[in-house]
PDB file of N, CA and C in Angstrom:
ATOM      1  N   MET A   1      86.478 106.767 112.735  1.00  0.00           N
ATOM      2  CA  MET A   1      86.356 106.254 114.080  1.00  0.00           C
ATOM      3  C   MET A   1      85.461 107.224 114.860  1.00  0.00           C
ATOM      4  N   PRO A   2      84.506 106.718 115.621  1.00  0.00           N
ATOM      5  CA  PRO A   2      83.627 107.596 116.397  1.00  0.00           C
ATOM      6  C   PRO A   2      84.424 108.394 117.424  1.00  0.00           C
ATOM      7  N   ASP A   3      83.897 109.568 117.785  1.00  0.00           N
ATOM      8  CA  ASP A   3      84.589 110.452 118.728  1.00  0.00           C
ATOM      9  C   ASP A   3      84.667 109.879 120.138  1.00  0.00           C
ATOM     10  N   ASP A   4      83.744 109.006 120.514  1.00  0.00           N
ATOM     11  CA  ASP A   4      83.711 108.501 121.885  1.00  0.00           C
ATOM     12  C   ASP A   4      84.574 107.250 122.102  1.00  0.00           C
ATOM     13  N   VAL A   5      85.307 106.817 121.074  1.00  0.00           N
ATOM     14  CA  VAL A   5      86.173 105.643 121.203  1.00  0.00           C
ATOM     15  C   VAL A   5      87.614 106.107 121.402  1.00  0.00           C
ATOM     16  N   GLU A   6      88.220 105.616 122.478  1.00  0.00           N
ATOM     17  CA  GLU A   6      89.600 105.999 122.775  1.00  0.00           C
ATOM     18  C   GLU A   6      90.554 104.927 122.253  1.00  0.00           C
ATOM     19  N   LEU A   7      91.552 105.361 121.539  1.00  0.00           N
ATOM     20  CA  LEU A   7      92.558 104.453 121.004  1.00  0.00           C
ATOM     21  C   LEU A   7      93.645 104.252 122.053  1.00  0.00           C
ATOM     22  N   VAL A   8      93.906 102.998 122.404  1.00  0.00           N
ATOM     23  CA  VAL A   8      94.923 102.682 123.399  1.00  0.00           C
ATOM     24  C   VAL A   8      96.067 101.963 122.697  1.00  0.00           C
ATOM     25  N   VAL A   9      97.276 102.495 122.850  1.00  0.00           N
ATOM     26  CA  VAL A   9      98.455 101.898 122.239  1.00  0.00           C
ATOM     27  C   VAL A   9      99.392 101.455 123.349  1.00  0.00           C
ATOM     28  N   ASP A  10      99.721 100.158 123.356  1.00  0.00           N
ATOM     29  CA  ASP A  10     100.648  99.640 124.359  1.00  0.00           C
ATOM     30  C   ASP A  10     102.051 100.163 124.093  1.00  0.00           C
ATOM     31  N   LYS A  11     102.845 100.153 125.150  1.00  0.00           N
ATOM     32  CA  LYS A  11     104.235 100.578 125.036  1.00  0.00           C
ATOM     33  C   LYS A  11     104.962  99.621 124.090  1.00  0.00           C
ATOM     34  N   PRO A  12     105.775 100.151 123.151  1.00  0.00           N
ATOM     35  CA  PRO A  12     106.501  99.272 122.226  1.00  0.00           C
ATOM     36  C   PRO A  12     107.472  98.359 122.975  1.00  0.00           C
ATOM     37  N   VAL A  13     107.634  97.168 122.442  1.00  0.00           N
ATOM     38  CA  VAL A  13     108.565  96.202 123.017  1.00  0.00           C
ATOM     39  C   VAL A  13     109.586  95.848 121.944  1.00  0.00           C
ATOM     40  N   TRP A  14     110.863  95.978 122.276  1.00  0.00           N
ATOM     41  CA  TRP A  14     111.916  95.626 121.330  1.00  0.00           C
ATOM     42  C   TRP A  14     112.104  94.119 121.315  1.00  0.00           C
ATOM     43  N   LEU A  15     112.208  93.554 120.146  1.00  0.00           N
ATOM     44  CA  LEU A  15     112.451  92.126 119.987  1.00  0.00           C
ATOM     45  C   LEU A  15     113.890  91.912 119.555  1.00  0.00           C
ATOM     46  N   GLU A  16     114.507  90.881 120.095  1.00  0.00           N
ATOM     47  CA  GLU A  16     115.852  90.527 119.663  1.00  0.00           C
ATOM     48  C   GLU A  16     115.751  89.885 118.286  1.00  0.00           C
ATOM     49  N   THR A  17     116.408  90.468 117.316  1.00  0.00           N
ATOM     50  CA  THR A  17     116.375  89.937 115.956  1.00  0.00           C
ATOM     51  C   THR A  17     117.773  89.986 115.370  1.00  0.00           C
ATOM     52  N   PRO A  18     118.029  89.178 114.366  1.00  0.00           N
ATOM     53  CA  PRO A  18     119.329  89.244 113.702  1.00  0.00           C
ATOM     54  C   PRO A  18     119.555  90.627 113.096  1.00  0.00           C
ATOM     55  N   GLN A  19     120.780  91.077 113.141  1.00  0.00           N
ATOM     56  CA  GLN A  19     121.135  92.356 112.541  1.00  0.00           C
ATOM     57  C   GLN A  19     121.663  92.102 111.140  1.00  0.00           C
ATOM     58  N   GLN A  20     121.233  92.924 110.198  1.00  0.00           N
ATOM     59  CA  GLN A  20     121.699  92.703 108.832  1.00  0.00           C
ATOM     60  C   GLN A  20     123.166  93.101 108.708  1.00  0.00           C
ATOM     61  N   PRO A  21     123.943  92.313 107.948  1.00  0.00           N
ATOM     62  CA  PRO A  21     125.376  92.549 107.842  1.00  0.00           C
ATOM     63  C   PRO A  21     125.748  93.590 106.797  1.00  0.00           C
ATOM     64  N   ASP A  22     124.765  94.105 106.060  1.00  0.00           N
ATOM     65  CA  ASP A  22     125.050  95.060 104.997  1.00  0.00           C
ATOM     66  C   ASP A  22     123.835  95.966 104.805  1.00  0.00           C
ATOM     67  N   THR A  23     123.850  96.748 103.743  1.00  0.00           N
ATOM     68  CA  THR A  23     122.737  97.676 103.506  1.00  0.00           C
ATOM     69  C   THR A  23     121.731  97.144 102.499  1.00  0.00           C
ATOM     70  N   ALA A  24     121.893  95.897 102.050  1.00  0.00           N
ATOM     71  CA  ALA A  24     121.028  95.397 100.979  1.00  0.00           C
ATOM     72  C   ALA A  24     120.244  94.141 101.337  1.00  0.00           C
ATOM     73  N   SER A  25     120.324  93.674 102.570  1.00  0.00           N
ATOM     74  CA  SER A  25     119.694  92.391 102.888  1.00  0.00           C
ATOM     75  C   SER A  25     118.437  92.517 103.740  1.00  0.00           C
ATOM     76  N   CYS A  26     117.900  93.724 103.904  1.00  0.00           N
ATOM     77  CA  CYS A  26     116.748  93.885 104.792  1.00  0.00           C
ATOM     78  C   CYS A  26     115.531  93.098 104.305  1.00  0.00           C
ATOM     79  N   GLY A  27     115.279  93.070 103.006  1.00  0.00           N
ATOM     80  CA  GLY A  27     114.132  92.329 102.487  1.00  0.00           C
ATOM     81  C   GLY A  27     114.243  90.846 102.754  1.00  0.00           C
ATOM     82  N   VAL A  28     115.436  90.308 102.575  1.00  0.00           N
ATOM     83  CA  VAL A  28     115.670  88.886 102.825  1.00  0.00           C
ATOM     84  C   VAL A  28     115.440  88.574 104.301  1.00  0.00           C
ATOM     85  N   LEU A  29     115.915  89.444 105.183  1.00  0.00           N
ATOM     86  CA  LEU A  29     115.745  89.204 106.612  1.00  0.00           C
ATOM     87  C   LEU A  29     114.288  89.326 107.037  1.00  0.00           C
ATOM     88  N   ILE A  30     113.540  90.226 106.414  1.00  0.00           N
ATOM     89  CA  ILE A  30     112.113  90.346 106.726  1.00  0.00           C
ATOM     90  C   ILE A  30     111.391  89.057 106.354  1.00  0.00           C
ATOM     91  N   VAL A  31     111.686  88.525 105.171  1.00  0.00           N
ATOM     92  CA  VAL A  31     111.069  87.262 104.748  1.00  0.00           C
ATOM     93  C   VAL A  31     111.481  86.138 105.701  1.00  0.00           C
ATOM     94  N   ALA A  32     112.748  86.101 106.092  1.00  0.00           N
ATOM     95  CA  ALA A  32     113.222  85.061 107.011  1.00  0.00           C
ATOM     96  C   ALA A  32     112.528  85.179 108.371  1.00  0.00           C
ATOM     97  N   GLN A  33     112.346  86.405 108.865  1.00  0.00           N
ATOM     98  CA  GLN A  33     111.645  86.603 110.140  1.00  0.00           C
ATOM     99  C   GLN A  33     110.196  86.144 110.048  1.00  0.00           C
ATOM    100  N   ALA A  34     109.524  86.508 108.956  1.00  0.00           N
ATOM    101  CA  ALA A  34     108.132  86.096 108.765  1.00  0.00           C
ATOM    102  C   ALA A  34     108.039  84.574 108.708  1.00  0.00           C
ATOM    103  N   HIS A  35     108.971  83.943 107.993  1.00  0.00           N
ATOM    104  CA  HIS A  35     108.978  82.479 107.901  1.00  0.00           C
ATOM    105  C   HIS A  35     109.176  81.858 109.279  1.00  0.00           C
ATOM    106  N   SER A  36     110.076  82.410 110.084  1.00  0.00           N
ATOM    107  CA  SER A  36     110.312  81.889 111.435  1.00  0.00           C
ATOM    108  C   SER A  36     109.062  82.003 112.299  1.00  0.00           C
ATOM    109  N   CYS A  37     108.360  83.128 112.188  1.00  0.00           N
ATOM    110  CA  CYS A  37     107.126  83.312 112.966  1.00  0.00           C
ATOM    111  C   CYS A  37     106.046  82.335 112.522  1.00  0.00           C
ATOM    112  N   LEU A  38     105.874  82.182 111.214  1.00  0.00           N
ATOM    113  CA  LEU A  38     104.815  81.318 110.688  1.00  0.00           C
ATOM    114  C   LEU A  38     105.061  79.844 110.962  1.00  0.00           C
ATOM    115  N   THR A  39     106.320  79.443 111.006  1.00  0.00           N
ATOM    116  CA  THR A  39     106.633  78.026 111.208  1.00  0.00           C
ATOM    117  C   THR A  39     106.919  77.684 112.665  1.00  0.00           C
ATOM    118  N   GLY A  40     106.874  78.686 113.543  1.00  0.00           N
ATOM    119  CA  GLY A  40     107.081  78.431 114.964  1.00  0.00           C
ATOM    120  C   GLY A  40     108.518  78.210 115.367  1.00  0.00           C
ATOM    121  N   HIS A  41     109.448  78.628 114.548  1.00  0.00           N
ATOM    122  CA  HIS A  41     110.872  78.474 114.867  1.00  0.00           C
ATOM    123  C   HIS A  41     111.390  79.752 115.528  1.00  0.00           C
ATOM    124  N   GLU A  42     110.901  80.007 116.730  1.00  0.00           N
ATOM    125  CA  GLU A  42     111.271  81.228 117.439  1.00  0.00           C
ATOM    126  C   GLU A  42     112.766  81.286 117.735  1.00  0.00           C
ATOM    127  N   ASP A  43     113.394  80.122 117.960  1.00  0.00           N
ATOM    128  CA  ASP A  43     114.816  80.102 118.294  1.00  0.00           C
ATOM    129  C   ASP A  43     115.676  80.601 117.142  1.00  0.00           C
ATOM    130  N   GLN A  44     115.187  80.524 115.917  1.00  0.00           N
ATOM    131  CA  GLN A  44     115.957  80.975 114.763  1.00  0.00           C
ATOM    132  C   GLN A  44     115.911  82.486 114.602  1.00  0.00           C
ATOM    133  N   ARG A  45     115.150  83.161 115.436  1.00  0.00           N
ATOM    134  CA  ARG A  45     115.033  84.607 115.313  1.00  0.00           C
ATOM    135  C   ARG A  45     116.100  85.346 116.103  1.00  0.00           C
ATOM    136  N   LYS A  46     116.913  84.637 116.872  1.00  0.00           N
ATOM    137  CA  LYS A  46     117.867  85.305 117.758  1.00  0.00           C
ATOM    138  C   LYS A  46     119.283  84.806 117.525  1.00  0.00           C
ATOM    139  N   TYR A  47     119.832  85.131 116.390  1.00  0.00           N
ATOM    140  CA  TYR A  47     121.210  84.735 116.119  1.00  0.00           C
ATOM    141  C   TYR A  47     121.838  85.743 115.168  1.00  0.00           C
ATOM    142  N   GLY A  48     123.164  85.762 115.132  1.00  0.00           N
ATOM    143  CA  GLY A  48     123.863  86.656 114.227  1.00  0.00           C
ATOM    144  C   GLY A  48     123.749  86.166 112.789  1.00  0.00           C
ATOM    145  N   VAL A  49     123.745  87.090 111.868  1.00  0.00           N
ATOM    146  CA  VAL A  49     123.606  86.745 110.451  1.00  0.00           C
ATOM    147  C   VAL A  49     124.823  87.262 109.701  1.00  0.00           C
ATOM    148  N   SER A  50     125.499  86.368 109.003  1.00  0.00           N
ATOM    149  CA  SER A  50     126.653  86.766 108.200  1.00  0.00           C
ATOM    150  C   SER A  50     126.217  86.998 106.754  1.00  0.00           C
ATOM    151  N   LYS A  51     127.123  87.526 105.959  1.00  0.00           N
ATOM    152  CA  LYS A  51     126.824  87.711 104.537  1.00  0.00           C
ATOM    153  C   LYS A  51     126.565  86.366 103.860  1.00  0.00           C
ATOM    154  N   ASP A  52     127.267  85.331 104.291  1.00  0.00           N
ATOM    155  CA  ASP A  52     127.033  83.994 103.730  1.00  0.00           C
ATOM    156  C   ASP A  52     125.641  83.479 104.088  1.00  0.00           C
ATOM    157  N   ASP A  53     125.176  83.787 105.319  1.00  0.00           N
ATOM    158  CA  ASP A  53     123.812  83.395 105.706  1.00  0.00           C
ATOM    159  C   ASP A  53     122.785  84.048 104.789  1.00  0.00           C
ATOM    160  N   VAL A  54     122.998  85.320 104.472  1.00  0.00           N
ATOM    161  CA  VAL A  54     122.074  86.041 103.591  1.00  0.00           C
ATOM    162  C   VAL A  54     122.087  85.421 102.197  1.00  0.00           C
ATOM    163  N   LYS A  55     123.273  85.029 101.720  1.00  0.00           N
ATOM    164  CA  LYS A  55     123.351  84.370 100.404  1.00  0.00           C
ATOM    165  C   LYS A  55     122.538  83.078 100.398  1.00  0.00           C
ATOM    166  N   VAL A  56     122.652  82.303 101.474  1.00  0.00           N
ATOM    167  CA  VAL A  56     121.895  81.050 101.568  1.00  0.00           C
ATOM    168  C   VAL A  56     120.398  81.343 101.599  1.00  0.00           C
ATOM    169  N   MET A  57     119.988  82.378 102.357  1.00  0.00           N
ATOM    170  CA  MET A  57     118.566  82.746 102.411  1.00  0.00           C
ATOM    171  C   MET A  57     118.052  83.117 101.025  1.00  0.00           C
ATOM    172  N   ARG A  58     118.852  83.887 100.291  1.00  0.00           N
ATOM    173  CA  ARG A  58     118.445  84.273  98.931  1.00  0.00           C
ATOM    174  C   ARG A  58     118.309  83.046  98.031  1.00  0.00           C
ATOM    175  N   LEU A  59     119.264  82.129  98.116  1.00  0.00           N
ATOM    176  CA  LEU A  59     119.199  80.910  97.304  1.00  0.00           C
ATOM    177  C   LEU A  59     117.979  80.070  97.663  1.00  0.00           C
ATOM    178  N   ARG A  60     117.662  79.980  98.960  1.00  0.00           N
ATOM    179  CA  ARG A  60     116.473  79.230  99.374  1.00  0.00           C
ATOM    180  C   ARG A  60     115.207  79.867  98.814  1.00  0.00           C
ATOM    181  N   MET A  61     115.128  81.198  98.892  1.00  0.00           N
ATOM    182  CA  MET A  61     113.951  81.890  98.355  1.00  0.00           C
ATOM    183  C   MET A  61     113.837  81.655  96.857  1.00  0.00           C
ATOM    184  N   LEU A  62     114.952  81.748  96.148  1.00  0.00           N
ATOM    185  CA  LEU A  62     114.953  81.525  94.707  1.00  0.00           C
ATOM    186  C   LEU A  62     114.516  80.104  94.382  1.00  0.00           C
ATOM    187  N   TRP A  63     115.014  79.123  95.148  1.00  0.00           N
ATOM    188  CA  TRP A  63     114.646  77.731  94.916  1.00  0.00           C
ATOM    189  C   TRP A  63     113.145  77.535  95.102  1.00  0.00           C
ATOM    190  N   VAL A  64     112.584  78.131  96.161  1.00  0.00           N
ATOM    191  CA  VAL A  64     111.142  77.989  96.409  1.00  0.00           C
ATOM    192  C   VAL A  64     110.345  78.604  95.271  1.00  0.00           C
ATOM    193  N   ILE A  65     110.760  79.779  94.810  1.00  0.00           N
ATOM    194  CA  ILE A  65     110.047  80.441  93.711  1.00  0.00           C
ATOM    195  C   ILE A  65     110.101  79.589  92.454  1.00  0.00           C
ATOM    196  N   ILE A  66     111.277  79.101  92.118  1.00  0.00           N
ATOM    197  CA  ILE A  66     111.428  78.301  90.899  1.00  0.00           C
ATOM    198  C   ILE A  66     110.735  76.948  91.044  1.00  0.00           C
ATOM    199  N   HIS A  67     110.912  76.305  92.189  1.00  0.00           N
ATOM    200  CA  HIS A  67     110.361  74.967  92.396  1.00  0.00           C
ATOM    201  C   HIS A  67     108.829  74.962  92.359  1.00  0.00           C
ATOM    202  N   HIS A  68     108.223  76.011  92.892  1.00  0.00           N
ATOM    203  CA  HIS A  68     106.765  76.058  92.960  1.00  0.00           C
ATOM    204  C   HIS A  68     106.137  76.821  91.800  1.00  0.00           C
ATOM    205  N   SER A  69     106.949  77.287  90.883  1.00  0.00           N
ATOM    206  CA  SER A  69     106.436  78.021  89.728  1.00  0.00           C
ATOM    207  C   SER A  69     105.749  77.063  88.770  1.00  0.00           C
ATOM    208  N   LYS A  70     104.672  77.520  88.182  1.00  0.00           N
ATOM    209  CA  LYS A  70     103.976  76.715  87.184  1.00  0.00           C
ATOM    210  C   LYS A  70     104.635  76.865  85.810  1.00  0.00           C
ATOM    211  N   GLU A  71     105.532  77.840  85.693  1.00  0.00           N
ATOM    212  CA  GLU A  71     106.248  78.049  84.437  1.00  0.00           C
ATOM    213  C   GLU A  71     107.308  76.966  84.277  1.00  0.00           C
ATOM    214  N   ARG A  72     107.434  76.439  83.111  1.00  0.00           N
ATOM    215  CA  ARG A  72     108.451  75.435  82.820  1.00  0.00           C
ATOM    216  C   ARG A  72     109.169  75.831  81.534  1.00  0.00           C
ATOM    217  N   ALA A  73     110.368  75.344  81.373  1.00  0.00           N
ATOM    218  CA  ALA A  73     111.135  75.639  80.161  1.00  0.00           C
ATOM    219  C   ALA A  73     110.434  75.030  78.953  1.00  0.00           C
ATOM    220  N   MET A  74     110.545  75.716  77.818  1.00  0.00           N
ATOM    221  CA  MET A  74     109.937  75.224  76.578  1.00  0.00           C
ATOM    222  C   MET A  74     110.777  74.116  75.975  1.00  0.00           C
ATOM    223  N   SER A  75     110.099  73.212  75.315  1.00  0.00           N
ATOM    224  CA  SER A  75     110.825  72.191  74.560  1.00  0.00           C
ATOM    225  C   SER A  75     111.429  72.860  73.327  1.00  0.00           C
ATOM    226  N   GLU A  76     112.385  72.202  72.700  1.00  0.00           N
ATOM    227  CA  GLU A  76     113.005  72.764  71.492  1.00  0.00           C
ATOM    228  C   GLU A  76     111.973  72.938  70.388  1.00  0.00           C
ATOM    229  N   GLY A  77     111.046  71.998  70.273  1.00  0.00           N
ATOM    230  CA  GLY A  77     109.996  72.103  69.256  1.00  0.00           C
ATOM    231  C   GLY A  77     109.101  73.307  69.485  1.00  0.00           C
ATOM    232  N   ASP A  78     108.701  73.533  70.755  1.00  0.00           N
ATOM    233  CA  ASP A  78     107.869  74.695  71.076  1.00  0.00           C
ATOM    234  C   ASP A  78     108.637  75.994  70.849  1.00  0.00           C
ATOM    235  N   ALA A  79     109.925  75.995  71.185  1.00  0.00           N
ATOM    236  CA  ALA A  79     110.741  77.189  70.978  1.00  0.00           C
ATOM    237  C   ALA A  79     110.857  77.501  69.491  1.00  0.00           C
ATOM    238  N   ALA A  80     111.040  76.471  68.660  1.00  0.00           N
ATOM    239  CA  ALA A  80     111.131  76.676  67.206  1.00  0.00           C
ATOM    240  C   ALA A  80     109.809  77.196  66.657  1.00  0.00           C
ATOM    241  N   THR A  81     108.696  76.635  67.119  1.00  0.00           N
ATOM    242  CA  THR A  81     107.372  77.096  66.676  1.00  0.00           C
ATOM    243  C   THR A  81     107.149  78.547  67.076  1.00  0.00           C
ATOM    244  N   THR A  82     107.518  78.889  68.311  1.00  0.00           N
ATOM    245  CA  THR A  82     107.363  80.262  68.790  1.00  0.00           C
ATOM    246  C   THR A  82     108.210  81.220  67.969  1.00  0.00           C
ATOM    247  N   THR A  83     109.441  80.840  67.665  1.00  0.00           N
ATOM    248  CA  THR A  83     110.321  81.674  66.841  1.00  0.00           C
ATOM    249  C   THR A  83     109.729  81.870  65.455  1.00  0.00           C
ATOM    250  N   ASN A  84     109.185  80.818  64.882  1.00  0.00           N
ATOM    251  CA  ASN A  84     108.561  80.883  63.561  1.00  0.00           C
ATOM    252  C   ASN A  84     107.353  81.825  63.577  1.00  0.00           C
ATOM    253  N   ILE A  85     106.505  81.703  64.584  1.00  0.00           N
ATOM    254  CA  ILE A  85     105.330  82.575  64.700  1.00  0.00           C
ATOM    255  C   ILE A  85     105.764  84.023  64.861  1.00  0.00           C
ATOM    256  N   LEU A  86     106.764  84.266  65.705  1.00  0.00           N
ATOM    257  CA  LEU A  86     107.262  85.629  65.899  1.00  0.00           C
ATOM    258  C   LEU A  86     107.769  86.208  64.587  1.00  0.00           C
ATOM    259  N   GLN A  87     108.526  85.428  63.829  1.00  0.00           N
ATOM    260  CA  GLN A  87     109.050  85.897  62.546  1.00  0.00           C
ATOM    261  C   GLN A  87     107.911  86.225  61.586  1.00  0.00           C
ATOM    262  N   ARG A  88     106.902  85.368  61.522  1.00  0.00           N
ATOM    263  CA  ARG A  88     105.762  85.614  60.634  1.00  0.00           C
ATOM    264  C   ARG A  88     105.007  86.875  61.042  1.00  0.00           C
ATOM    265  N   LEU A  89     104.848  87.096  62.355  1.00  0.00           N
ATOM    266  CA  LEU A  89     104.188  88.318  62.825  1.00  0.00           C
ATOM    267  C   LEU A  89     105.001  89.552  62.443  1.00  0.00           C
ATOM    268  N   GLN A  90     106.316  89.474  62.624  1.00  0.00           N
ATOM    269  CA  GLN A  90     107.167  90.607  62.260  1.00  0.00           C
ATOM    270  C   GLN A  90     107.106  90.875  60.764  1.00  0.00           C
ATOM    271  N   ASP A  91     107.068  89.804  59.947  1.00  0.00           N
ATOM    272  CA  ASP A  91     106.958  89.972  58.492  1.00  0.00           C
ATOM    273  C   ASP A  91     105.640  90.641  58.122  1.00  0.00           C
ATOM    274  N   GLU A  92     104.561  90.290  58.804  1.00  0.00           N
ATOM    275  CA  GLU A  92     103.245  90.876  58.525  1.00  0.00           C
ATOM    276  C   GLU A  92     103.207  92.358  58.882  1.00  0.00           C
ATOM    277  N   LEU A  93     103.969  92.748  59.896  1.00  0.00           N
ATOM    278  CA  LEU A  93     103.947  94.133  60.361  1.00  0.00           C
ATOM    279  C   LEU A  93     104.862  95.050  59.559  1.00  0.00           C
ATOM    280  N   LYS A  94     105.616  94.514  58.612  1.00  0.00           N
ATOM    281  CA  LYS A  94     106.529  95.345  57.808  1.00  0.00           C
ATOM    282  C   LYS A  94     105.769  96.165  56.815  1.00  0.00           C
TER     283      LYS A  94
END
């Protein structure tokens, strides 16, 4: 940064946000806050959060990850072929 440019920092403003109910849900709450900001649901940012709420948030995140994943379960035929190939590779490496 050039010497003649002055950096101006505004006074911090505290935002009302849900408080985490435990020591392990901060990541889930950060994702939930970001989702609320991106979708314009400002009213959802100011409420109490229970442990059950965090469980629901985790399940929703998991559902989105699984639902939008391009990975799909293998068919039994593909699984058998994969097992056969793995066995043949292991036999070759002996």
